[in-house]
Amino acid sequence: MNIELNICRICGYFEEDYFPWGEDGKTSSFDICICCNVEFGYEDINLDSIRKFRTSWISSDKFLSNSKYANFLRNIPKEFL
């Protein structure tokens, strides 16, 4: 199993049994991330939108309310930074 398939491209949230972009990494679920509220397959479709949404996420009150969210960012695969 490729662990990077279980990670939100925006915030780095990880859930072991969940695949926001499918087990193939190409088929979006169109679900909403429970951490940053991104819609998989819409707001994280390309690198520009990923960076734009991440900028918005890291300036949000929720992100700033708990240091665990900053730690999640370390999970983001390099190709999505």
N, C-alpha and C. Protein backbone atom coordinates (compact mmCIF):
# COMPACT_ATOMS: atom_id res chain seq x y z
N MET A 1 0.84 -1.19 0.00
CA MET A 1 0.00 0.00 0.00
C MET A 1 0.89 1.25 0.00
N ASN A 2 0.56 2.19 -0.85
CA ASN A 2 1.27 3.47 -0.91
C ASN A 2 0.62 4.41 0.09
N ILE A 3 1.32 4.72 1.16
CA ILE A 3 0.76 5.54 2.24
C ILE A 3 0.39 6.94 1.78
N GLU A 4 1.03 7.45 0.72
CA GLU A 4 0.73 8.80 0.24
C GLU A 4 -0.69 8.90 -0.31
N LEU A 5 -1.32 7.80 -0.62
CA LEU A 5 -2.69 7.81 -1.14
C LEU A 5 -3.71 8.10 -0.05
N ASN A 6 -3.30 8.07 1.21
CA ASN A 6 -4.20 8.29 2.34
C ASN A 6 -4.08 9.70 2.91
N ILE A 7 -3.45 10.61 2.19
CA ILE A 7 -3.13 11.93 2.72
C ILE A 7 -3.81 13.02 1.91
N CYS A 8 -4.39 13.98 2.61
CA CYS A 8 -4.97 15.16 1.95
C CYS A 8 -3.82 15.98 1.35
N ARG A 9 -3.97 16.37 0.09
CA ARG A 9 -2.94 17.14 -0.60
C ARG A 9 -2.85 18.58 -0.11
N ILE A 10 -3.87 19.05 0.57
CA ILE A 10 -3.90 20.43 1.06
C ILE A 10 -3.31 20.52 2.46
N CYS A 11 -3.84 19.74 3.39
CA CYS A 11 -3.48 19.90 4.80
C CYS A 11 -2.61 18.79 5.37
N GLY A 12 -2.49 17.66 4.66
CA GLY A 12 -1.68 16.57 5.16
C GLY A 12 -2.39 15.63 6.12
N TYR A 13 -3.69 15.81 6.29
CA TYR A 13 -4.45 14.93 7.17
C TYR A 13 -4.33 13.50 6.65
N PHE A 14 -4.09 12.56 7.56
CA PHE A 14 -3.91 11.15 7.22
C PHE A 14 -4.98 10.31 7.89
N GLU A 15 -5.56 9.40 7.13
CA GLU A 15 -6.48 8.42 7.69
C GLU A 15 -6.17 7.09 7.02
N GLU A 16 -5.85 6.09 7.82
CA GLU A 16 -5.33 4.82 7.30
C GLU A 16 -6.23 4.13 6.28
N ASP A 17 -7.52 4.11 6.53
CA ASP A 17 -8.44 3.36 5.66
C ASP A 17 -9.23 4.25 4.70
N TYR A 18 -8.72 5.42 4.39
CA TYR A 18 -9.44 6.34 3.51
C TYR A 18 -8.53 6.80 2.39
N PHE A 19 -9.05 6.84 1.18
CA PHE A 19 -8.29 7.21 0.00
C PHE A 19 -9.00 8.35 -0.73
N PRO A 20 -8.65 9.62 -0.44
CA PRO A 20 -9.33 10.75 -1.06
C PRO A 20 -9.25 10.76 -2.59
N TRP A 21 -8.19 10.17 -3.12
CA TRP A 21 -8.01 10.07 -4.57
C TRP A 21 -8.01 8.61 -5.02
N GLY A 22 -8.76 7.77 -4.31
CA GLY A 22 -8.87 6.36 -4.67
C GLY A 22 -7.58 5.59 -4.43
N GLU A 23 -7.68 4.29 -4.47
CA GLU A 23 -6.52 3.45 -4.26
C GLU A 23 -5.54 3.52 -5.43
N ASP A 24 -6.00 4.05 -6.57
CA ASP A 24 -5.11 4.22 -7.72
C ASP A 24 -4.46 5.61 -7.75
N GLY A 25 -4.91 6.51 -6.86
CA GLY A 25 -4.36 7.86 -6.80
C GLY A 25 -4.86 8.77 -7.91
N LYS A 26 -5.84 8.30 -8.69
CA LYS A 26 -6.32 9.06 -9.85
C LYS A 26 -7.82 9.27 -9.87
N THR A 27 -8.54 8.58 -8.99
CA THR A 27 -10.00 8.63 -9.01
C THR A 27 -10.50 9.32 -7.75
N SER A 28 -10.84 10.58 -7.89
CA SER A 28 -11.26 11.37 -6.73
C SER A 28 -12.57 10.87 -6.13
N SER A 29 -12.66 10.98 -4.82
CA SER A 29 -13.88 10.61 -4.11
C SER A 29 -14.90 11.75 -4.11
N PHE A 30 -14.45 12.98 -4.35
CA PHE A 30 -15.26 14.20 -4.25
C PHE A 30 -15.84 14.39 -2.85
N ASP A 31 -15.25 13.71 -1.87
CA ASP A 31 -15.62 13.92 -0.47
C ASP A 31 -14.97 15.21 0.03
N ILE A 32 -15.35 15.61 1.22
CA ILE A 32 -14.80 16.79 1.87
C ILE A 32 -13.83 16.35 2.97
N CYS A 33 -12.64 16.92 2.98
CA CYS A 33 -11.66 16.61 4.03
C CYS A 33 -12.20 17.07 5.38
N ILE A 34 -12.16 16.19 6.36
CA ILE A 34 -12.68 16.55 7.68
C ILE A 34 -11.78 17.54 8.41
N CYS A 35 -10.58 17.72 7.91
CA CYS A 35 -9.64 18.64 8.55
C CYS A 35 -9.72 20.05 7.94
N CYS A 36 -9.48 20.16 6.63
CA CYS A 36 -9.38 21.49 6.00
C CYS A 36 -10.58 21.85 5.13
N ASN A 37 -11.51 20.93 4.97
CA ASN A 37 -12.74 21.14 4.19
C ASN A 37 -12.54 21.27 2.69
N VAL A 38 -11.41 20.82 2.16
CA VAL A 38 -11.21 20.80 0.71
C VAL A 38 -12.13 19.73 0.11
N GLU A 39 -12.62 19.99 -1.09
CA GLU A 39 -13.37 18.96 -1.82
C GLU A 39 -12.38 18.25 -2.74
N PHE A 40 -12.13 16.98 -2.46
CA PHE A 40 -11.18 16.21 -3.26
C PHE A 40 -11.69 16.12 -4.70
N GLY A 41 -10.80 16.39 -5.64
CA GLY A 41 -11.16 16.32 -7.05
C GLY A 41 -11.68 17.62 -7.61
N TYR A 42 -11.81 18.62 -6.76
CA TYR A 42 -12.27 19.94 -7.22
C TYR A 42 -11.26 21.01 -6.82
N GLU A 43 -11.05 21.17 -5.52
CA GLU A 43 -10.15 22.22 -5.04
C GLU A 43 -8.69 21.76 -4.97
N ASP A 44 -8.44 20.50 -5.23
CA ASP A 44 -7.06 19.98 -5.21
C ASP A 44 -6.70 19.31 -6.53
N ILE A 45 -7.26 19.83 -7.61
CA ILE A 45 -7.11 19.20 -8.92
C ILE A 45 -5.76 19.45 -9.58
N ASN A 46 -5.12 20.58 -9.27
CA ASN A 46 -3.80 20.86 -9.84
C ASN A 46 -2.96 21.62 -8.80
N LEU A 47 -1.68 21.75 -9.09
CA LEU A 47 -0.76 22.34 -8.12
C LEU A 47 -1.11 23.79 -7.78
N ASP A 48 -1.56 24.56 -8.76
CA ASP A 48 -1.95 25.95 -8.47
C ASP A 48 -3.11 26.02 -7.48
N SER A 49 -4.14 25.21 -7.71
CA SER A 49 -5.28 25.24 -6.79
C SER A 49 -4.92 24.67 -5.43
N ILE A 50 -4.04 23.68 -5.40
CA ILE A 50 -3.57 23.12 -4.12
C ILE A 50 -2.88 24.20 -3.31
N ARG A 51 -1.98 24.91 -3.94
CA ARG A 51 -1.25 25.97 -3.23
C ARG A 51 -2.17 27.10 -2.79
N LYS A 52 -3.10 27.46 -3.63
CA LYS A 52 -4.05 28.53 -3.29
C LYS A 52 -4.90 28.12 -2.08
N PHE A 53 -5.45 26.92 -2.12
CA PHE A 53 -6.29 26.48 -1.01
C PHE A 53 -5.48 26.29 0.25
N ARG A 54 -4.23 25.79 0.12
CA ARG A 54 -3.38 25.61 1.31
C ARG A 54 -3.07 26.96 1.96
N THR A 55 -2.81 27.98 1.15
CA THR A 55 -2.56 29.32 1.69
C THR A 55 -3.76 29.80 2.50
N SER A 56 -4.94 29.56 1.96
CA SER A 56 -6.16 29.92 2.68
C SER A 56 -6.29 29.11 3.97
N TRP A 57 -5.99 27.82 3.88
CA TRP A 57 -6.08 26.93 5.04
C TRP A 57 -5.16 27.37 6.17
N ILE A 58 -3.90 27.68 5.86
CA ILE A 58 -2.95 28.01 6.93
C ILE A 58 -3.19 29.39 7.54
N SER A 59 -4.05 30.17 6.94
CA SER A 59 -4.41 31.45 7.55
C SER A 59 -5.77 31.40 8.24
N SER A 60 -6.40 30.22 8.23
CA SER A 60 -7.72 30.08 8.84
C SER A 60 -7.64 30.02 10.36
N ASP A 61 -8.72 30.39 11.01
CA ASP A 61 -8.80 30.32 12.47
C ASP A 61 -8.62 28.88 12.97
N LYS A 62 -9.20 27.92 12.26
CA LYS A 62 -9.08 26.53 12.69
C LYS A 62 -7.62 26.09 12.68
N PHE A 63 -6.89 26.38 11.60
CA PHE A 63 -5.47 26.01 11.51
C PHE A 63 -4.68 26.63 12.65
N LEU A 64 -4.92 27.89 12.90
CA LEU A 64 -4.17 28.63 13.91
C LEU A 64 -4.55 28.23 15.34
N SER A 65 -5.66 27.51 15.50
CA SER A 65 -6.14 27.16 16.83
C SER A 65 -5.42 25.98 17.47
N ASN A 66 -4.66 25.20 16.68
CA ASN A 66 -4.05 23.99 17.23
C ASN A 66 -2.79 23.64 16.45
N SER A 67 -1.70 23.42 17.14
CA SER A 67 -0.42 23.13 16.48
C SER A 67 -0.41 21.79 15.75
N LYS A 68 -1.35 20.91 16.05
CA LYS A 68 -1.38 19.62 15.35
C LYS A 68 -1.58 19.81 13.86
N TYR A 69 -2.29 20.88 13.46
CA TYR A 69 -2.53 21.11 12.04
C TYR A 69 -1.23 21.46 11.31
N ALA A 70 -0.35 22.19 11.95
CA ALA A 70 0.96 22.49 11.35
C ALA A 70 1.77 21.21 11.21
N ASN A 71 1.65 20.31 12.16
CA ASN A 71 2.35 19.03 12.08
C ASN A 71 1.84 18.17 10.93
N PHE A 72 0.55 18.25 10.63
CA PHE A 72 -0.03 17.49 9.52
C PHE A 72 0.62 17.87 8.19
N LEU A 73 1.03 19.14 8.06
CA LEU A 73 1.61 19.61 6.80
C LEU A 73 2.84 18.79 6.41
N ARG A 74 3.52 18.22 7.37
CA ARG A 74 4.71 17.40 7.10
C ARG A 74 4.38 16.13 6.31
N ASN A 75 3.12 15.73 6.34
CA ASN A 75 2.70 14.51 5.65
C ASN A 75 2.51 14.70 4.15
N ILE A 76 2.40 15.93 3.70
CA ILE A 76 2.07 16.19 2.30
C ILE A 76 3.20 15.70 1.40
N PRO A 77 2.87 14.87 0.41
CA PRO A 77 3.89 14.40 -0.53
C PRO A 77 4.56 15.57 -1.26
N LYS A 78 5.85 15.44 -1.53
CA LYS A 78 6.63 16.53 -2.12
C LYS A 78 6.06 17.05 -3.43
N GLU A 79 5.46 16.17 -4.22
CA GLU A 79 4.92 16.62 -5.51
C GLU A 79 3.73 17.56 -5.39
N PHE A 80 3.19 17.70 -4.16
CA PHE A 80 2.06 18.59 -3.93
C PHE A 80 2.42 19.81 -3.09
N LEU A 81 3.70 20.07 -2.92
CA LEU A 81 4.13 21.25 -2.14
C LEU A 81 4.30 22.46 -3.04
